[in-house]
Amino acid sequence: MKIISKFPVYKDNRGQIVNIFDFTKNNKIKSSLIITSKKDAIRANHYHKTDSHYIYLISGKFEYYEKKLKNNSKIKSITINKGDSINTETGIIHAMKFLEDSIMLVLTTEDRDQKKYEKDIVRIKLI
């Protein structure tokens, strides 16, 4: 688990263009979402059977937790700040606790139809 590095693509006196994700290995993005969360909210507490997703935090702050499906694996956590990006792979149990009101851009490899989404997740309380 690590924060995805962002690289300026172009910079001049007007500002800069920053590449937040590199999809050269995965060009299967099917859905883009803006998700808002209130301070102290908990999200996820599940894993996906087929979906994976990329999260870019537009504003706010949250603690991201993940654990491999193996019973003896340990829970890892990292603080995600405004401007940070993280990828959640298929089959990784994950959860988020929001430390501030937050807005994030989420790009997913599966359609975000609610019925399909519910069939793809397995709920497991991580935090």
C-alpha atoms as a PDB file:
ATOM      1  CA  MET A   1       0.000   0.000   0.000  1.00  0.00           C
ATOM      2  CA  LYS A   2       1.401   3.377  -0.952  1.00  0.00           C
ATOM      3  CA  ILE A   3       0.343   6.802  -2.066  1.00  0.00           C
ATOM      4  CA  ILE A   4       0.563   7.116  -5.840  1.00  0.00           C
ATOM      5  CA  SER A   5       3.085   9.774  -6.866  1.00  0.00           C
ATOM      6  CA  LYS A   6       1.887  12.622  -9.057  1.00  0.00           C
ATOM      7  CA  PHE A   7       4.107  14.140 -11.710  1.00  0.00           C
ATOM      8  CA  PRO A   8       3.748  17.587 -13.295  1.00  0.00           C
ATOM      9  CA  VAL A   9       3.251  17.120 -17.020  1.00  0.00           C
ATOM     10  CA  TYR A  10       3.485  20.788 -17.931  1.00  0.00           C
ATOM     11  CA  LYS A  11       4.132  23.976 -15.991  1.00  0.00           C
ATOM     12  CA  ASP A  12       4.205  27.615 -17.066  1.00  0.00           C
ATOM     13  CA  ASN A  13       3.181  31.043 -15.717  1.00  0.00           C
ATOM     14  CA  ARG A  14      -0.542  30.098 -15.909  1.00  0.00           C
ATOM     15  CA  GLY A  15      -0.164  27.089 -13.606  1.00  0.00           C
ATOM     16  CA  GLN A  16       0.490  23.405 -14.129  1.00  0.00           C
ATOM     17  CA  ILE A  17      -1.023  20.212 -15.462  1.00  0.00           C
ATOM     18  CA  VAL A  18      -0.454  17.188 -13.209  1.00  0.00           C
ATOM     19  CA  ASN A  19      -0.845  13.528 -14.168  1.00  0.00           C
ATOM     20  CA  ILE A  20      -2.578  11.949 -11.144  1.00  0.00           C
ATOM     21  CA  PHE A  21      -2.897   8.388 -12.525  1.00  0.00           C
ATOM     22  CA  ASP A  22      -0.954   6.383 -15.094  1.00  0.00           C
ATOM     23  CA  PHE A  23      -3.295   4.008 -16.908  1.00  0.00           C
ATOM     24  CA  THR A  24      -0.767   2.549 -19.339  1.00  0.00           C
ATOM     25  CA  LYS A  25      -1.125  -0.796 -17.531  1.00  0.00           C
ATOM     26  CA  ASN A  26      -4.893  -0.552 -16.988  1.00  0.00           C
ATOM     27  CA  ASN A  27      -7.123   1.240 -19.464  1.00  0.00           C
ATOM     28  CA  LYS A  28     -10.342  -0.431 -18.293  1.00  0.00           C
ATOM     29  CA  ILE A  29     -11.892   2.457 -16.362  1.00  0.00           C
ATOM     30  CA  LYS A  30     -15.676   2.171 -16.666  1.00  0.00           C
ATOM     31  CA  SER A  31     -16.965   4.637 -14.097  1.00  0.00           C
ATOM     32  CA  SER A  32     -15.945   7.960 -12.572  1.00  0.00           C
ATOM     33  CA  LEU A  33     -17.528   9.129  -9.331  1.00  0.00           C
ATOM     34  CA  ILE A  34     -17.390  12.094  -6.989  1.00  0.00           C
ATOM     35  CA  ILE A  35     -17.979  10.853  -3.443  1.00  0.00           C
ATOM     36  CA  THR A  36     -18.423  13.164  -0.463  1.00  0.00           C
ATOM     37  CA  SER A  37     -17.968  12.044   3.127  1.00  0.00           C
ATOM     38  CA  LYS A  38     -18.562  13.800   6.434  1.00  0.00           C
ATOM     39  CA  LYS A  39     -15.971  13.926   9.216  1.00  0.00           C
ATOM     40  CA  ASP A  40     -15.987  10.676  11.276  1.00  0.00           C
ATOM     41  CA  ALA A  41     -17.820   8.737   8.535  1.00  0.00           C
ATOM     42  CA  ILE A  42     -16.667   5.172   7.869  1.00  0.00           C
ATOM     43  CA  ARG A  43     -16.799   3.835   4.299  1.00  0.00           C
ATOM     44  CA  ALA A  44     -16.126   0.502   2.628  1.00  0.00           C
ATOM     45  CA  ASN A  45     -15.426  -2.309   5.145  1.00  0.00           C
ATOM     46  CA  HIS A  46     -15.504  -4.750   2.227  1.00  0.00           C
ATOM     47  CA  TYR A  47     -13.554  -6.185  -0.664  1.00  0.00           C
ATOM     48  CA  HIS A  48     -14.424  -6.467  -4.355  1.00  0.00           C
ATOM     49  CA  LYS A  49     -14.536  -9.762  -6.239  1.00  0.00           C
ATOM     50  CA  THR A  50     -13.741  -8.135  -9.615  1.00  0.00           C
ATOM     51  CA  ASP A  51     -13.622  -4.336  -9.268  1.00  0.00           C
ATOM     52  CA  SER A  52     -10.579  -2.261  -8.440  1.00  0.00           C
ATOM     53  CA  HIS A  53     -10.520   1.489  -8.060  1.00  0.00           C
ATOM     54  CA  TYR A  54      -8.353   4.563  -7.938  1.00  0.00           C
ATOM     55  CA  ILE A  55      -9.051   7.326  -5.427  1.00  0.00           C
ATOM     56  CA  TYR A  56      -7.873  10.939  -5.775  1.00  0.00           C
ATOM     57  CA  LEU A  57      -8.629  13.101  -2.731  1.00  0.00           C
ATOM     58  CA  ILE A  58      -9.819  16.511  -3.908  1.00  0.00           C
ATOM     59  CA  SER A  59     -10.267  17.919  -0.400  1.00  0.00           C
ATOM     60  CA  GLY A  60     -10.234  16.662   3.163  1.00  0.00           C
ATOM     61  CA  LYS A  61      -8.320  13.884   4.880  1.00  0.00           C
ATOM     62  CA  PHE A  62      -8.919  10.220   5.695  1.00  0.00           C
ATOM     63  CA  GLU A  63      -7.253   7.187   7.182  1.00  0.00           C
ATOM     64  CA  TYR A  64      -7.144   4.312   4.668  1.00  0.00           C
ATOM     65  CA  TYR A  65      -6.982   0.729   5.953  1.00  0.00           C
ATOM     66  CA  GLU A  66      -6.372  -2.454   4.000  1.00  0.00           C
ATOM     67  CA  LYS A  67      -5.774  -6.133   4.645  1.00  0.00           C
ATOM     68  CA  LYS A  68      -5.120  -9.106   2.389  1.00  0.00           C
ATOM     69  CA  LEU A  69      -7.674 -11.907   2.526  1.00  0.00           C
ATOM     70  CA  LYS A  70      -5.217 -14.267   4.248  1.00  0.00           C
ATOM     71  CA  ASN A  71      -6.289 -14.827   7.863  1.00  0.00           C
ATOM     72  CA  ASN A  72      -2.847 -14.087   9.294  1.00  0.00           C
ATOM     73  CA  SER A  73      -2.245 -10.879   7.338  1.00  0.00           C
ATOM     74  CA  LYS A  74      -2.049  -7.625   9.267  1.00  0.00           C
ATOM     75  CA  ILE A  75      -4.127  -4.492   8.816  1.00  0.00           C
ATOM     76  CA  LYS A  76      -2.081  -1.674   7.288  1.00  0.00           C
ATOM     77  CA  SER A  77      -3.082   1.983   7.379  1.00  0.00           C
ATOM     78  CA  ILE A  78      -1.983   5.221   5.795  1.00  0.00           C
ATOM     79  CA  THR A  79      -3.224   8.810   6.026  1.00  0.00           C
ATOM     80  CA  ILE A  80      -4.505  10.214   2.736  1.00  0.00           C
ATOM     81  CA  ASN A  81      -4.320  14.007   2.431  1.00  0.00           C
ATOM     82  CA  LYS A  82      -5.702  16.474  -0.114  1.00  0.00           C
ATOM     83  CA  GLY A  83      -4.012  15.794  -3.466  1.00  0.00           C
ATOM     84  CA  ASP A  84      -3.008  12.204  -2.635  1.00  0.00           C
ATOM     85  CA  SER A  85      -4.022   9.188  -4.731  1.00  0.00           C
ATOM     86  CA  ILE A  86      -4.310   5.519  -3.839  1.00  0.00           C
ATOM     87  CA  ASN A  87      -5.274   2.337  -5.689  1.00  0.00           C
ATOM     88  CA  THR A  88      -7.426  -0.434  -4.195  1.00  0.00           C
ATOM     89  CA  GLU A  89      -6.799  -3.775  -5.888  1.00  0.00           C
ATOM     90  CA  THR A  90      -9.342  -6.550  -6.417  1.00  0.00           C
ATOM     91  CA  GLY A  91      -9.659  -8.857  -3.401  1.00  0.00           C
ATOM     92  CA  ILE A  92      -8.157  -6.457  -0.838  1.00  0.00           C
ATOM     93  CA  ILE A  93     -10.290  -5.743   2.235  1.00  0.00           C
ATOM     94  CA  HIS A  94     -10.375  -1.976   2.687  1.00  0.00           C
ATOM     95  CA  ALA A  95     -11.999   0.737   4.782  1.00  0.00           C
ATOM     96  CA  MET A  96     -11.775   4.492   5.258  1.00  0.00           C
ATOM     97  CA  LYS A  97     -12.322   6.703   8.302  1.00  0.00           C
ATOM     98  CA  PHE A  98     -12.735  10.343   7.371  1.00  0.00           C
ATOM     99  CA  LEU A  99     -10.806  12.755   9.576  1.00  0.00           C
ATOM    100  CA  GLU A 100     -12.344  15.803   7.850  1.00  0.00           C
ATOM    101  CA  ASP A 101     -15.267  16.477   5.527  1.00  0.00           C
ATOM    102  CA  SER A 102     -13.885  15.158   2.244  1.00  0.00           C
ATOM    103  CA  ILE A 103     -14.471  15.046  -1.507  1.00  0.00           C
ATOM    104  CA  MET A 104     -12.841  12.367  -3.644  1.00  0.00           C
ATOM    105  CA  LEU A 105     -12.737  11.353  -7.272  1.00  0.00           C
ATOM    106  CA  VAL A 106     -13.049   7.574  -7.654  1.00  0.00           C
ATOM    107  CA  LEU A 107     -12.349   5.757 -10.930  1.00  0.00           C
ATOM    108  CA  THR A 108     -13.524   2.140 -11.075  1.00  0.00           C
ATOM    109  CA  THR A 109     -12.899  -0.799 -13.398  1.00  0.00           C
ATOM    110  CA  GLU A 110     -16.540  -1.935 -13.157  1.00  0.00           C
ATOM    111  CA  ASP A 111     -19.792  -0.077 -13.827  1.00  0.00           C
ATOM    112  CA  ARG A 112     -21.207   1.605 -10.717  1.00  0.00           C
ATOM    113  CA  ASP A 113     -24.741   0.300 -11.118  1.00  0.00           C
ATOM    114  CA  GLN A 114     -25.867  -0.270  -7.506  1.00  0.00           C
ATOM    115  CA  LYS A 115     -27.188  -3.822  -8.071  1.00  0.00           C
ATOM    116  CA  LYS A 116     -23.974  -4.920  -9.833  1.00  0.00           C
ATOM    117  CA  TYR A 117     -21.914  -3.167  -7.176  1.00  0.00           C
ATOM    118  CA  GLU A 118     -23.652  -5.008  -4.324  1.00  0.00           C
ATOM    119  CA  LYS A 119     -23.067  -8.365  -6.068  1.00  0.00           C
ATOM    120  CA  ASP A 120     -19.356  -7.553  -6.428  1.00  0.00           C
ATOM    121  CA  ILE A 121     -18.649  -6.758  -2.772  1.00  0.00           C
ATOM    122  CA  VAL A 122     -18.177  -8.951   0.265  1.00  0.00           C
ATOM    123  CA  ARG A 123     -18.752  -7.005   3.472  1.00  0.00           C
ATOM    124  CA  ILE A 124     -16.167  -7.555   6.212  1.00  0.00           C
ATOM    125  CA  LYS A 125     -15.812  -5.237   9.202  1.00  0.00           C
ATOM    126  CA  LEU A 126     -12.211  -4.072   9.172  1.00  0.00           C
ATOM    127  CA  ILE A 127     -12.579  -0.978  11.372  1.00  0.00           C
END
